């Protein structure tokens, strides 16, 4: 396993635990040729492994006797659950035994353990959760989507720098177009936080392609590659999008099955509906990377199925193989003076 990309997977995370995490991770390891460290209750993990073919997959099981409860505070998990699977997984990365982690468990605990166990990249004040969103054209990156609900202007600036590195490597954008989410496209629109962040982006170094303010309606147009906002706004936008796509699918199904002719039309358009379902399916990308840590961390939806876990593990491996964190470090370093300037703005 020493020469392979190694991903530590929190096998106990999510609503379904090892029953979906283990097979999803194994499929990803087989697809990508990577190695796994499956972290969790050894008996439960091995019971799931016994149900699936394991030929050609490099893996090991790392025992963890505790699970981070969804009703527990992240600070309590850090202090009191030293053998929780998410803590053990993060220590594997910190100690150099794995390159990154994937967890569908307690997102707050994943963020807290990532920050205090794995550690932040020098110069990064706050790691940010980045969600990959479908659009009319190509996928985009929206961040922060929940790790930081109260942000300063220089935090938004750093989010944009980190997302630039992510979009270049994971979405194959040569020069990602970065937009700042606001209440109007014109310069000068928005609250104080957005206005001051706008000025920092205008001065950014290292080839940052800042295109100005964007509005909520622009997120799904595909005319930008990165949309930056604080975690409160980003989480609302993400959950609104998820709810809208689910409701829209239900409405379409109800209307198209309400009569004979619509039913015939539905059968004829079956492939189009399959493509729409794939378009709005979060499982296509699996998880949100927590950008700004010393290692790679992907946070998955609590209701993740095996497909979502598989996608997240594969994306985490790509993140490692592309050396995206190295690009991110360079972007932060090249703009260190602007970050200090942003901190000084009162």
C-alpha atoms as a PDB file:
ATOM      1  CA  UNK A   1       0.000   0.000   0.000  1.00  0.00           C
ATOM      2  CA  UNK A   2       3.014   2.294   0.430  1.00  0.00           C
ATOM      3  CA  UNK A   3       3.151   3.420  -3.210  1.00  0.00           C
ATOM      4  CA  UNK A   4      -0.588   3.892  -3.653  1.00  0.00           C
ATOM      5  CA  UNK A   5      -2.875   6.788  -2.893  1.00  0.00           C
ATOM      6  CA  UNK A   6      -4.401   5.886   0.464  1.00  0.00           C
ATOM      7  CA  UNK A   7      -7.809   7.169   1.563  1.00  0.00           C
ATOM      8  CA  UNK A   8      -9.081   6.681   5.111  1.00  0.00           C
ATOM      9  CA  UNK A   9     -12.849   6.137   5.091  1.00  0.00           C
ATOM     10  CA  UNK A  10     -15.060   6.687   8.124  1.00  0.00           C
ATOM     11  CA  UNK A  11     -16.948   3.418   7.734  1.00  0.00           C
ATOM     12  CA  UNK A  12     -19.392   4.236  10.545  1.00  0.00           C
ATOM     13  CA  UNK A  13     -20.539   7.582   9.138  1.00  0.00           C
ATOM     14  CA  UNK A  14     -23.885   8.408   7.579  1.00  0.00           C
ATOM     15  CA  UNK A  15     -27.409   7.189   8.115  1.00  0.00           C
ATOM     16  CA  UNK A  16     -26.608   3.696   6.838  1.00  0.00           C
ATOM     17  CA  UNK A  17     -23.083   3.144   8.169  1.00  0.00           C
ATOM     18  CA  UNK A  18     -20.937   0.242   6.926  1.00  0.00           C
ATOM     19  CA  UNK A  19     -23.749  -1.285   4.854  1.00  0.00           C
ATOM     20  CA  UNK A  20     -23.314   1.398   2.172  1.00  0.00           C
ATOM     21  CA  UNK A  21     -19.959   2.978   3.050  1.00  0.00           C
ATOM     22  CA  UNK A  22     -17.949  -0.236   2.763  1.00  0.00           C
ATOM     23  CA  UNK A  23     -19.223  -1.427  -0.652  1.00  0.00           C
ATOM     24  CA  UNK A  24     -19.090   2.119  -2.065  1.00  0.00           C
ATOM     25  CA  UNK A  25     -15.497   2.595  -0.934  1.00  0.00           C
ATOM     26  CA  UNK A  26     -14.422  -0.815  -2.239  1.00  0.00           C
ATOM     27  CA  UNK A  27     -15.909  -0.038  -5.671  1.00  0.00           C
ATOM     28  CA  UNK A  28     -13.991   3.259  -5.755  1.00  0.00           C
ATOM     29  CA  UNK A  29     -10.737   1.549  -4.786  1.00  0.00           C
ATOM     30  CA  UNK A  30     -11.207  -0.982  -7.570  1.00  0.00           C
ATOM     31  CA  UNK A  31     -12.031   1.750 -10.128  1.00  0.00           C
ATOM     32  CA  UNK A  32      -9.112   4.017  -9.200  1.00  0.00           C
ATOM     33  CA  UNK A  33      -6.474   1.508  -8.152  1.00  0.00           C
ATOM     34  CA  UNK A  34      -6.097   3.126  -4.751  1.00  0.00           C
ATOM     35  CA  UNK A  35      -5.773   1.703  -1.233  1.00  0.00           C
ATOM     36  CA  UNK A  36      -8.270   2.052   1.613  1.00  0.00           C
ATOM     37  CA  UNK A  37      -8.130   2.237   5.373  1.00  0.00           C
ATOM     38  CA  UNK A  38     -11.653   1.421   6.542  1.00  0.00           C
ATOM     39  CA  UNK A  39     -12.070   2.944   9.997  1.00  0.00           C
ATOM     40  CA  UNK A  40     -14.725   1.724  12.418  1.00  0.00           C
ATOM     41  CA  UNK A  41     -16.018  -1.175  14.465  1.00  0.00           C
ATOM     42  CA  UNK A  42     -13.875  -4.018  13.144  1.00  0.00           C
ATOM     43  CA  UNK A  43     -16.540  -6.717  13.476  1.00  0.00           C
ATOM     44  CA  UNK A  44     -19.180  -4.672  11.653  1.00  0.00           C
ATOM     45  CA  UNK A  45     -16.807  -3.577   8.904  1.00  0.00           C
ATOM     46  CA  UNK A  46     -15.526  -7.105   8.268  1.00  0.00           C
ATOM     47  CA  UNK A  47     -19.094  -8.408   8.220  1.00  0.00           C
ATOM     48  CA  UNK A  48     -19.834  -6.080   5.294  1.00  0.00           C
ATOM     49  CA  UNK A  49     -16.561  -6.963   3.569  1.00  0.00           C
ATOM     50  CA  UNK A  50     -17.562 -10.641   3.679  1.00  0.00           C
ATOM     51  CA  UNK A  51     -20.575  -9.853   1.483  1.00  0.00           C
ATOM     52  CA  UNK A  52     -18.680  -8.382  -1.487  1.00  0.00           C
ATOM     53  CA  UNK A  53     -15.881  -9.446  -3.867  1.00  0.00           C
ATOM     54  CA  UNK A  54     -12.499  -8.081  -2.800  1.00  0.00           C
ATOM     55  CA  UNK A  55     -10.203  -9.390  -5.530  1.00  0.00           C
ATOM     56  CA  UNK A  56      -7.602  -6.845  -6.554  1.00  0.00           C
ATOM     57  CA  UNK A  57      -8.476  -4.310  -3.842  1.00  0.00           C
ATOM     58  CA  UNK A  58      -5.850  -3.102  -1.360  1.00  0.00           C
ATOM     59  CA  UNK A  59      -7.446  -2.378   1.981  1.00  0.00           C
ATOM     60  CA  UNK A  60      -7.042  -2.665   5.713  1.00  0.00           C
ATOM     61  CA  UNK A  61      -9.425  -2.248   8.639  1.00  0.00           C
ATOM     62  CA  UNK A  62      -8.516   0.147  11.446  1.00  0.00           C
ATOM     63  CA  UNK A  63     -10.572  -0.418  14.574  1.00  0.00           C
ATOM     64  CA  UNK A  64     -12.385   2.480  16.237  1.00  0.00           C
ATOM     65  CA  UNK A  65     -14.615   1.720  19.194  1.00  0.00           C
ATOM     66  CA  UNK A  66     -16.752   4.889  19.110  1.00  0.00           C
ATOM     67  CA  UNK A  67     -19.018   6.763  16.703  1.00  0.00           C
ATOM     68  CA  UNK A  68     -19.663  10.516  16.649  1.00  0.00           C
ATOM     69  CA  UNK A  69     -23.342  10.965  17.469  1.00  0.00           C
ATOM     70  CA  UNK A  70     -25.317  13.312  15.247  1.00  0.00           C
ATOM     71  CA  UNK A  71     -26.783  15.017  18.317  1.00  0.00           C
ATOM     72  CA  UNK A  72     -23.392  15.702  19.902  1.00  0.00           C
ATOM     73  CA  UNK A  73     -21.528  18.998  19.717  1.00  0.00           C
ATOM     74  CA  UNK A  74     -18.326  18.893  17.650  1.00  0.00           C
ATOM     75  CA  UNK A  75     -16.358  20.241  20.629  1.00  0.00           C
ATOM     76  CA  UNK A  76     -17.656  17.401  22.837  1.00  0.00           C
ATOM     77  CA  UNK A  77     -16.710  14.835  20.217  1.00  0.00           C
ATOM     78  CA  UNK A  78     -13.179  16.262  20.064  1.00  0.00           C
ATOM     79  CA  UNK A  79     -12.764  16.203  23.848  1.00  0.00           C
ATOM     80  CA  UNK A  80     -14.605  13.057  24.875  1.00  0.00           C
ATOM     81  CA  UNK A  81     -14.593  10.629  21.945  1.00  0.00           C
ATOM     82  CA  UNK A  82     -10.912  10.105  21.247  1.00  0.00           C
ATOM     83  CA  UNK A  83     -11.623   6.741  19.630  1.00  0.00           C
ATOM     84  CA  UNK A  84     -14.472   7.953  17.421  1.00  0.00           C
ATOM     85  CA  UNK A  85     -14.038   6.753  13.843  1.00  0.00           C
ATOM     86  CA  UNK A  86     -13.743  10.312  12.469  1.00  0.00           C
ATOM     87  CA  UNK A  87     -11.000  11.161  14.990  1.00  0.00           C
ATOM     88  CA  UNK A  88      -9.075   7.989  14.203  1.00  0.00           C
ATOM     89  CA  UNK A  89      -9.353   8.660  10.449  1.00  0.00           C
ATOM     90  CA  UNK A  90      -8.041  12.219  10.834  1.00  0.00           C
ATOM     91  CA  UNK A  91      -5.107  11.006  12.927  1.00  0.00           C
ATOM     92  CA  UNK A  92      -4.194   8.568  10.146  1.00  0.00           C
ATOM     93  CA  UNK A  93      -3.805  11.536   7.794  1.00  0.00           C
ATOM     94  CA  UNK A  94      -1.955  13.632  10.369  1.00  0.00           C
ATOM     95  CA  UNK A  95       0.487  10.781  11.004  1.00  0.00           C
ATOM     96  CA  UNK A  96       1.151  10.222   7.291  1.00  0.00           C
ATOM     97  CA  UNK A  97      -0.591   6.837   7.046  1.00  0.00           C
ATOM     98  CA  UNK A  98      -3.280   8.174   4.675  1.00  0.00           C
ATOM     99  CA  UNK A  99      -3.518  11.045   2.207  1.00  0.00           C
ATOM    100  CA  UNK A 100      -7.110  12.009   2.907  1.00  0.00           C
ATOM    101  CA  UNK A 101     -10.393  11.096   4.553  1.00  0.00           C
ATOM    102  CA  UNK A 102     -13.983  10.635   3.430  1.00  0.00           C
ATOM    103  CA  UNK A 103     -16.873  10.735   5.892  1.00  0.00           C
ATOM    104  CA  UNK A 104     -20.657  10.758   5.637  1.00  0.00           C
ATOM    105  CA  UNK A 105     -20.977  11.232   9.387  1.00  0.00           C
ATOM    106  CA  UNK A 106     -21.357  14.296  11.598  1.00  0.00           C
ATOM    107  CA  UNK A 107     -20.262  17.150   9.301  1.00  0.00           C
ATOM    108  CA  UNK A 108     -19.483  19.497  12.190  1.00  0.00           C
ATOM    109  CA  UNK A 109     -17.270  16.857  13.779  1.00  0.00           C
ATOM    110  CA  UNK A 110     -15.497  16.279  10.467  1.00  0.00           C
ATOM    111  CA  UNK A 111     -14.776  20.005  10.149  1.00  0.00           C
ATOM    112  CA  UNK A 112     -13.610  20.269  13.772  1.00  0.00           C
ATOM    113  CA  UNK A 113     -11.429  17.151  13.628  1.00  0.00           C
ATOM    114  CA  UNK A 114      -9.997  18.239  10.299  1.00  0.00           C
ATOM    115  CA  UNK A 115      -8.982  21.621  11.711  1.00  0.00           C
ATOM    116  CA  UNK A 116      -7.641  20.517  15.089  1.00  0.00           C
ATOM    117  CA  UNK A 117      -6.149  17.133  14.216  1.00  0.00           C
ATOM    118  CA  UNK A 118      -5.055  17.404  10.587  1.00  0.00           C
ATOM    119  CA  UNK A 119      -4.392  21.134  10.851  1.00  0.00           C
ATOM    120  CA  UNK A 120      -4.803  24.040   8.464  1.00  0.00           C
ATOM    121  CA  UNK A 121      -2.570  25.022   5.579  1.00  0.00           C
ATOM    122  CA  UNK A 122      -0.336  27.918   6.686  1.00  0.00           C
ATOM    123  CA  UNK A 123      -2.057  31.206   5.890  1.00  0.00           C
ATOM    124  CA  UNK A 124      -5.575  29.747   5.786  1.00  0.00           C
ATOM    125  CA  UNK A 125      -7.741  31.199   8.542  1.00  0.00           C
ATOM    126  CA  UNK A 126     -10.804  29.048   7.966  1.00  0.00           C
ATOM    127  CA  UNK A 127     -11.236  25.922   5.854  1.00  0.00           C
ATOM    128  CA  UNK A 128     -14.319  26.038   3.624  1.00  0.00           C
ATOM    129  CA  UNK A 129     -16.747  23.421   2.359  1.00  0.00           C
ATOM    130  CA  UNK A 130     -17.023  23.460  -1.426  1.00  0.00           C
ATOM    131  CA  UNK A 131     -20.018  21.930  -3.178  1.00  0.00           C
ATOM    132  CA  UNK A 132     -20.022  20.974  -6.850  1.00  0.00           C
ATOM    133  CA  UNK A 133     -23.279  22.193  -8.396  1.00  0.00           C
ATOM    134  CA  UNK A 134     -24.855  21.200 -11.747  1.00  0.00           C
ATOM    135  CA  UNK A 135     -25.619  24.023 -14.205  1.00  0.00           C
ATOM    136  CA  UNK A 136     -26.976  24.466 -17.738  1.00  0.00           C
ATOM    137  CA  UNK A 137     -23.411  24.113 -19.033  1.00  0.00           C
ATOM    138  CA  UNK A 138     -20.655  22.726 -16.826  1.00  0.00           C
ATOM    139  CA  UNK A 139     -20.499  22.002 -13.084  1.00  0.00           C
ATOM    140  CA  UNK A 140     -19.446  24.873 -10.839  1.00  0.00           C
ATOM    141  CA  UNK A 141     -18.008  25.203  -7.322  1.00  0.00           C
ATOM    142  CA  UNK A 142     -20.093  26.933  -4.628  1.00  0.00           C
ATOM    143  CA  UNK A 143     -18.383  27.751  -1.325  1.00  0.00           C
ATOM    144  CA  UNK A 144     -18.615  28.062   1.587  1.00  0.00           C
ATOM    145  CA  UNK A 145     -21.697  25.857   2.062  1.00  0.00           C
ATOM    146  CA  UNK A 146     -21.758  25.594   5.818  1.00  0.00           C
ATOM    147  CA  UNK A 147     -18.390  25.412   7.568  1.00  0.00           C
ATOM    148  CA  UNK A 148     -18.292  29.151   8.421  1.00  0.00           C
ATOM    149  CA  UNK A 149     -21.526  31.022   9.012  1.00  0.00           C
ATOM    150  CA  UNK A 150     -19.856  34.260  10.156  1.00  0.00           C
ATOM    151  CA  UNK A 151     -17.107  35.456   7.827  1.00  0.00           C
ATOM    152  CA  UNK A 152     -14.834  38.451   7.367  1.00  0.00           C
ATOM    153  CA  UNK A 153     -14.037  39.841   3.884  1.00  0.00           C
ATOM    154  CA  UNK A 154     -10.579  38.243   3.824  1.00  0.00           C
ATOM    155  CA  UNK A 155     -12.166  34.859   4.538  1.00  0.00           C
ATOM    156  CA  UNK A 156     -14.259  35.160   1.357  1.00  0.00           C
ATOM    157  CA  UNK A 157     -11.113  36.157  -0.500  1.00  0.00           C
ATOM    158  CA  UNK A 158      -9.285  33.051   0.715  1.00  0.00           C
ATOM    159  CA  UNK A 159     -12.287  30.890  -0.207  1.00  0.00           C
ATOM    160  CA  UNK A 160     -11.988  32.135  -3.772  1.00  0.00           C
ATOM    161  CA  UNK A 161      -8.263  31.388  -3.923  1.00  0.00           C
ATOM    162  CA  UNK A 162      -8.813  27.849  -2.696  1.00  0.00           C
ATOM    163  CA  UNK A 163     -11.743  27.231  -5.039  1.00  0.00           C
ATOM    164  CA  UNK A 164      -9.623  28.413  -7.965  1.00  0.00           C
ATOM    165  CA  UNK A 165      -7.111  25.616  -7.307  1.00  0.00           C
ATOM    166  CA  UNK A 166      -9.902  23.081  -6.854  1.00  0.00           C
ATOM    167  CA  UNK A 167     -11.724  24.044 -10.071  1.00  0.00           C
ATOM    168  CA  UNK A 168      -8.513  23.952 -12.124  1.00  0.00           C
ATOM    169  CA  UNK A 169      -7.692  20.396 -11.119  1.00  0.00           C
ATOM    170  CA  UNK A 170     -11.033  18.729 -10.419  1.00  0.00           C
ATOM    171  CA  UNK A 171     -13.242  20.465 -13.007  1.00  0.00           C
ATOM    172  CA  UNK A 172     -10.494  20.951 -15.621  1.00  0.00           C
ATOM    173  CA  UNK A 173     -10.931  24.748 -15.848  1.00  0.00           C
ATOM    174  CA  UNK A 174      -7.841  26.482 -17.226  1.00  0.00           C
ATOM    175  CA  UNK A 175      -8.837  29.876 -15.819  1.00  0.00           C
ATOM    176  CA  UNK A 176     -11.849  29.521 -13.499  1.00  0.00           C
ATOM    177  CA  UNK A 177     -14.219  32.497 -13.572  1.00  0.00           C
ATOM    178  CA  UNK A 178     -14.778  33.511  -9.954  1.00  0.00           C
ATOM    179  CA  UNK A 179     -17.925  35.387  -8.958  1.00  0.00           C
ATOM    180  CA  UNK A 180     -18.858  36.889  -5.595  1.00  0.00           C
ATOM    181  CA  UNK A 181     -22.467  36.201  -4.594  1.00  0.00           C
ATOM    182  CA  UNK A 182     -24.317  39.463  -3.956  1.00  0.00           C
ATOM    183  CA  UNK A 183     -27.665  41.222  -4.402  1.00  0.00           C
ATOM    184  CA  UNK A 184     -26.629  42.854  -7.667  1.00  0.00           C
ATOM    185  CA  UNK A 185     -24.047  42.482 -10.407  1.00  0.00           C
ATOM    186  CA  UNK A 186     -22.777  46.051 -10.256  1.00  0.00           C
ATOM    187  CA  UNK A 187     -19.643  46.922  -8.297  1.00  0.00           C
ATOM    188  CA  UNK A 188     -20.639  48.473  -5.003  1.00  0.00           C
ATOM    189  CA  UNK A 189     -23.684  46.256  -4.490  1.00  0.00           C
ATOM    190  CA  UNK A 190     -23.976  44.108  -1.360  1.00  0.00           C
ATOM    191  CA  UNK A 191     -23.217  44.429   2.317  1.00  0.00           C
ATOM    192  CA  UNK A 192     -19.932  45.648   3.808  1.00  0.00           C
ATOM    193  CA  UNK A 193     -18.509  42.133   3.852  1.00  0.00           C
ATOM    194  CA  UNK A 194     -19.088  41.634   0.118  1.00  0.00           C
ATOM    195  CA  UNK A 195     -17.916  45.128  -0.864  1.00  0.00           C
ATOM    196  CA  UNK A 196     -14.603  44.756   0.969  1.00  0.00           C
ATOM    197  CA  UNK A 197     -14.060  41.231  -0.366  1.00  0.00           C
ATOM    198  CA  UNK A 198     -14.686  42.604  -3.875  1.00  0.00           C
ATOM    199  CA  UNK A 199     -11.757  45.015  -3.467  1.00  0.00           C
ATOM    200  CA  UNK A 200      -9.443  42.201  -2.358  1.00  0.00           C
ATOM    201  CA  UNK A 201     -10.382  40.063  -5.351  1.00  0.00           C
ATOM    202  CA  UNK A 202      -9.639  42.952  -7.725  1.00  0.00           C
ATOM    203  CA  UNK A 203      -6.074  43.057  -6.434  1.00  0.00           C
ATOM    204  CA  UNK A 204      -5.478  39.290  -6.393  1.00  0.00           C
ATOM    205  CA  UNK A 205      -2.247  37.855  -7.781  1.00  0.00           C
ATOM    206  CA  UNK A 206      -1.373  34.486  -9.355  1.00  0.00           C
ATOM    207  CA  UNK A 207      -3.726  34.700 -12.344  1.00  0.00           C
ATOM    208  CA  UNK A 208      -7.030  34.789 -10.455  1.00  0.00           C
ATOM    209  CA  UNK A 209      -9.863  35.412 -12.938  1.00  0.00           C
ATOM    210  CA  UNK A 210     -12.311  37.466 -10.861  1.00  0.00           C
ATOM    211  CA  UNK A 211     -15.401  38.446 -12.887  1.00  0.00           C
ATOM    212  CA  UNK A 212     -17.210  40.510 -10.223  1.00  0.00           C
ATOM    213  CA  UNK A 213     -20.515  40.092  -8.463  1.00  0.00           C
ATOM    214  CA  UNK A 214     -23.071  37.457  -9.420  1.00  0.00           C
ATOM    215  CA  UNK A 215     -26.660  37.043  -8.269  1.00  0.00           C
ATOM    216  CA  UNK A 216     -28.456  33.942  -7.023  1.00  0.00           C
ATOM    217  CA  UNK A 217     -30.099  33.419 -10.415  1.00  0.00           C
ATOM    218  CA  UNK A 218     -26.650  33.170 -12.017  1.00  0.00           C
ATOM    219  CA  UNK A 219     -25.585  30.079 -10.050  1.00  0.00           C
ATOM    220  CA  UNK A 220     -27.174  27.641 -12.505  1.00  0.00           C
ATOM    221  CA  UNK A 221     -26.449  29.531 -15.721  1.00  0.00           C
ATOM    222  CA  UNK A 222     -22.940  28.087 -16.002  1.00  0.00           C
ATOM    223  CA  UNK A 223     -21.453  31.486 -16.883  1.00  0.00           C
ATOM    224  CA  UNK A 224     -19.041  31.349 -13.941  1.00  0.00           C
ATOM    225  CA  UNK A 225     -17.016  28.458 -12.562  1.00  0.00           C
ATOM    226  CA  UNK A 226     -16.812  29.458  -8.889  1.00  0.00           C
ATOM    227  CA  UNK A 227     -19.359  31.256  -6.699  1.00  0.00           C
ATOM    228  CA  UNK A 228     -18.058  32.570  -3.369  1.00  0.00           C
ATOM    229  CA  UNK A 229     -20.193  33.387  -0.322  1.00  0.00           C
ATOM    230  CA  UNK A 230     -20.224  32.861   3.440  1.00  0.00           C
ATOM    231  CA  UNK A 231     -21.367  29.562   4.900  1.00  0.00           C
ATOM    232  CA  UNK A 232     -24.776  30.810   6.005  1.00  0.00           C
ATOM    233  CA  UNK A 233     -25.760  32.047   2.551  1.00  0.00           C
ATOM    234  CA  UNK A 234     -24.099  29.088   0.826  1.00  0.00           C
ATOM    235  CA  UNK A 235     -25.873  26.494   2.928  1.00  0.00           C
ATOM    236  CA  UNK A 236     -29.247  28.141   2.293  1.00  0.00           C
ATOM    237  CA  UNK A 237     -28.507  28.216  -1.452  1.00  0.00           C
ATOM    238  CA  UNK A 238     -27.438  24.553  -1.417  1.00  0.00           C
ATOM    239  CA  UNK A 239     -30.467  23.310   0.539  1.00  0.00           C
ATOM    240  CA  UNK A 240     -32.807  25.458  -1.570  1.00  0.00           C
ATOM    241  CA  UNK A 241     -31.352  23.915  -4.720  1.00  0.00           C
ATOM    242  CA  UNK A 242     -31.692  20.381  -3.365  1.00  0.00           C
ATOM    243  CA  UNK A 243     -35.299  21.005  -2.328  1.00  0.00           C
ATOM    244  CA  UNK A 244     -36.205  22.624  -5.631  1.00  0.00           C
ATOM    245  CA  UNK A 245     -34.796  19.774  -7.712  1.00  0.00           C
ATOM    246  CA  UNK A 246     -36.615  17.174  -5.597  1.00  0.00           C
ATOM    247  CA  UNK A 247     -39.927  19.048  -5.767  1.00  0.00           C
ATOM    248  CA  UNK A 248     -39.545  19.717  -9.489  1.00  0.00           C
ATOM    249  CA  UNK A 249     -39.010  16.014 -10.128  1.00  0.00           C
ATOM    250  CA  UNK A 250     -42.159  15.133  -8.187  1.00  0.00           C
ATOM    251  CA  UNK A 251     -44.230  17.759  -9.986  1.00  0.00           C
ATOM    252  CA  UNK A 252     -43.028  16.567 -13.399  1.00  0.00           C
ATOM    253  CA  UNK A 253     -43.807  12.957 -12.536  1.00  0.00           C
ATOM    254  CA  UNK A 254     -47.295  13.836 -11.273  1.00  0.00           C
ATOM    255  CA  UNK A 255     -48.183  15.965 -14.287  1.00  0.00           C
ATOM    256  CA  UNK A 256     -46.799  13.554 -16.845  1.00  0.00           C
ATOM    257  CA  UNK A 257     -48.646  10.577 -15.404  1.00  0.00           C
ATOM    258  CA  UNK A 258     -52.012  12.304 -15.081  1.00  0.00           C
ATOM    259  CA  UNK A 259     -53.468  11.109 -18.437  1.00  0.00           C
ATOM    260  CA  UNK A 260     -53.034   8.689 -21.327  1.00  0.00           C
ATOM    261  CA  UNK A 261     -51.296  11.078 -23.758  1.00  0.00           C
ATOM    262  CA  UNK A 262     -48.890  12.418 -21.148  1.00  0.00           C
ATOM    263  CA  UNK A 263     -48.083   8.815 -20.181  1.00  0.00           C
ATOM    264  CA  UNK A 264     -47.225   8.002 -23.792  1.00  0.00           C
ATOM    265  CA  UNK A 265     -45.084  11.134 -23.984  1.00  0.00           C
ATOM    266  CA  UNK A 266     -43.347  10.139 -20.773  1.00  0.00           C
ATOM    267  CA  UNK A 267     -42.409   6.762 -22.238  1.00  0.00           C
ATOM    268  CA  UNK A 268     -41.019   8.433 -25.352  1.00  0.00           C
ATOM    269  CA  UNK A 269     -39.008  10.878 -23.238  1.00  0.00           C
ATOM    270  CA  UNK A 270     -37.746   8.268 -20.766  1.00  0.00           C
ATOM    271  CA  UNK A 271     -34.077   8.797 -21.587  1.00  0.00           C
ATOM    272  CA  UNK A 272     -34.441  12.547 -21.117  1.00  0.00           C
ATOM    273  CA  UNK A 273     -35.898  12.009 -17.642  1.00  0.00           C
ATOM    274  CA  UNK A 274     -33.022   9.698 -16.755  1.00  0.00           C
ATOM    275  CA  UNK A 275     -30.585  12.433 -17.781  1.00  0.00           C
ATOM    276  CA  UNK A 276     -32.484  14.980 -15.673  1.00  0.00           C
ATOM    277  CA  UNK A 277     -32.332  12.667 -12.657  1.00  0.00           C
ATOM    278  CA  UNK A 278     -28.589  12.293 -13.138  1.00  0.00           C
ATOM    279  CA  UNK A 279     -28.233  16.069 -13.536  1.00  0.00           C
ATOM    280  CA  UNK A 280     -29.676  16.805 -10.077  1.00  0.00           C
ATOM    281  CA  UNK A 281     -28.267  13.736  -8.272  1.00  0.00           C
ATOM    282  CA  UNK A 282     -25.764  14.771  -5.574  1.00  0.00           C
ATOM    283  CA  UNK A 283     -24.385  11.221  -5.671  1.00  0.00           C
ATOM    284  CA  UNK A 284     -22.657  12.030  -8.986  1.00  0.00           C
ATOM    285  CA  UNK A 285     -19.940  13.896  -7.029  1.00  0.00           C
ATOM    286  CA  UNK A 286     -20.565  12.335  -3.645  1.00  0.00           C
ATOM    287  CA  UNK A 287     -19.197  14.896  -1.237  1.00  0.00           C
ATOM    288  CA  UNK A 288     -17.993  18.392  -0.495  1.00  0.00           C
ATOM    289  CA  UNK A 289     -14.237  18.874  -0.068  1.00  0.00           C
ATOM    290  CA  UNK A 290     -13.120  20.790   3.016  1.00  0.00           C
ATOM    291  CA  UNK A 291     -10.524  23.076   1.434  1.00  0.00           C
ATOM    292  CA  UNK A 292      -7.661  24.544   3.435  1.00  0.00           C
ATOM    293  CA  UNK A 293      -6.499  21.541   5.492  1.00  0.00           C
ATOM    294  CA  UNK A 294      -3.082  19.907   5.551  1.00  0.00           C
ATOM    295  CA  UNK A 295      -4.689  16.752   4.138  1.00  0.00           C
ATOM    296  CA  UNK A 296      -7.714  15.996   2.000  1.00  0.00           C
ATOM    297  CA  UNK A 297     -11.151  15.759   3.620  1.00  0.00           C
ATOM    298  CA  UNK A 298     -14.461  15.068   1.877  1.00  0.00           C
ATOM    299  CA  UNK A 299     -17.760  15.498   3.707  1.00  0.00           C
ATOM    300  CA  UNK A 300     -20.629  13.429   2.294  1.00  0.00           C
ATOM    301  CA  UNK A 301     -24.385  13.823   2.700  1.00  0.00           C
ATOM    302  CA  UNK A 302     -25.736  11.898   5.690  1.00  0.00           C
ATOM    303  CA  UNK A 303     -28.126  10.016   3.419  1.00  0.00           C
ATOM    304  CA  UNK A 304     -25.361   8.995   1.032  1.00  0.00           C
ATOM    305  CA  UNK A 305     -25.803   5.715  -0.789  1.00  0.00           C
ATOM    306  CA  UNK A 306     -23.007   3.464  -2.052  1.00  0.00           C
ATOM    307  CA  UNK A 307     -22.826   5.424  -5.309  1.00  0.00           C
ATOM    308  CA  UNK A 308     -22.253   8.704  -3.448  1.00  0.00           C
ATOM    309  CA  UNK A 309     -19.525   7.175  -1.284  1.00  0.00           C
ATOM    310  CA  UNK A 310     -17.867   5.707  -4.366  1.00  0.00           C
ATOM    311  CA  UNK A 311     -17.901   9.112  -6.094  1.00  0.00           C
ATOM    312  CA  UNK A 312     -16.504  10.908  -3.043  1.00  0.00           C
ATOM    313  CA  UNK A 313     -13.644   8.446  -2.553  1.00  0.00           C
ATOM    314  CA  UNK A 314     -12.721   8.655  -6.232  1.00  0.00           C
ATOM    315  CA  UNK A 315     -12.790  12.461  -6.137  1.00  0.00           C
ATOM    316  CA  UNK A 316     -10.636  12.494  -3.000  1.00  0.00           C
ATOM    317  CA  UNK A 317      -8.104  10.268  -4.752  1.00  0.00           C
ATOM    318  CA  UNK A 318      -8.065  12.579  -7.777  1.00  0.00           C
ATOM    319  CA  UNK A 319      -7.496  15.525  -5.438  1.00  0.00           C
ATOM    320  CA  UNK A 320      -4.411  13.743  -4.071  1.00  0.00           C
ATOM    321  CA  UNK A 321      -3.108  12.628  -7.460  1.00  0.00           C
ATOM    322  CA  UNK A 322      -3.446  16.107  -8.974  1.00  0.00           C
ATOM    323  CA  UNK A 323      -1.570  17.585  -5.995  1.00  0.00           C
ATOM    324  CA  UNK A 324      -4.285  20.198  -5.670  1.00  0.00           C
ATOM    325  CA  UNK A 325      -3.229  21.138  -2.152  1.00  0.00           C
ATOM    326  CA  UNK A 326       0.176  22.210  -3.487  1.00  0.00           C
ATOM    327  CA  UNK A 327      -1.492  24.569  -5.970  1.00  0.00           C
ATOM    328  CA  UNK A 328      -3.708  25.869  -3.182  1.00  0.00           C
ATOM    329  CA  UNK A 329      -0.692  26.594  -0.959  1.00  0.00           C
ATOM    330  CA  UNK A 330       0.950  28.589  -3.760  1.00  0.00           C
ATOM    331  CA  UNK A 331      -2.186  30.686  -4.313  1.00  0.00           C
ATOM    332  CA  UNK A 332      -2.492  31.497  -0.610  1.00  0.00           C
ATOM    333  CA  UNK A 333       1.214  32.329  -0.358  1.00  0.00           C
ATOM    334  CA  UNK A 334       1.139  34.594  -3.436  1.00  0.00           C
ATOM    335  CA  UNK A 335      -1.672  36.636  -1.873  1.00  0.00           C
ATOM    336  CA  UNK A 336      -0.459  36.705   1.721  1.00  0.00           C
ATOM    337  CA  UNK A 337      -0.115  40.504   1.782  1.00  0.00           C
ATOM    338  CA  UNK A 338      -3.676  40.993   0.558  1.00  0.00           C
ATOM    339  CA  UNK A 339      -4.947  38.663   3.264  1.00  0.00           C
ATOM    340  CA  UNK A 340      -3.095  40.700   5.887  1.00  0.00           C
ATOM    341  CA  UNK A 341      -4.520  43.872   4.371  1.00  0.00           C
ATOM    342  CA  UNK A 342      -8.009  42.365   4.496  1.00  0.00           C
ATOM    343  CA  UNK A 343      -7.586  41.526   8.175  1.00  0.00           C
ATOM    344  CA  UNK A 344      -6.627  45.138   8.874  1.00  0.00           C
ATOM    345  CA  UNK A 345      -9.827  46.561   7.324  1.00  0.00           C
ATOM    346  CA  UNK A 346     -12.176  47.674  10.080  1.00  0.00           C
END
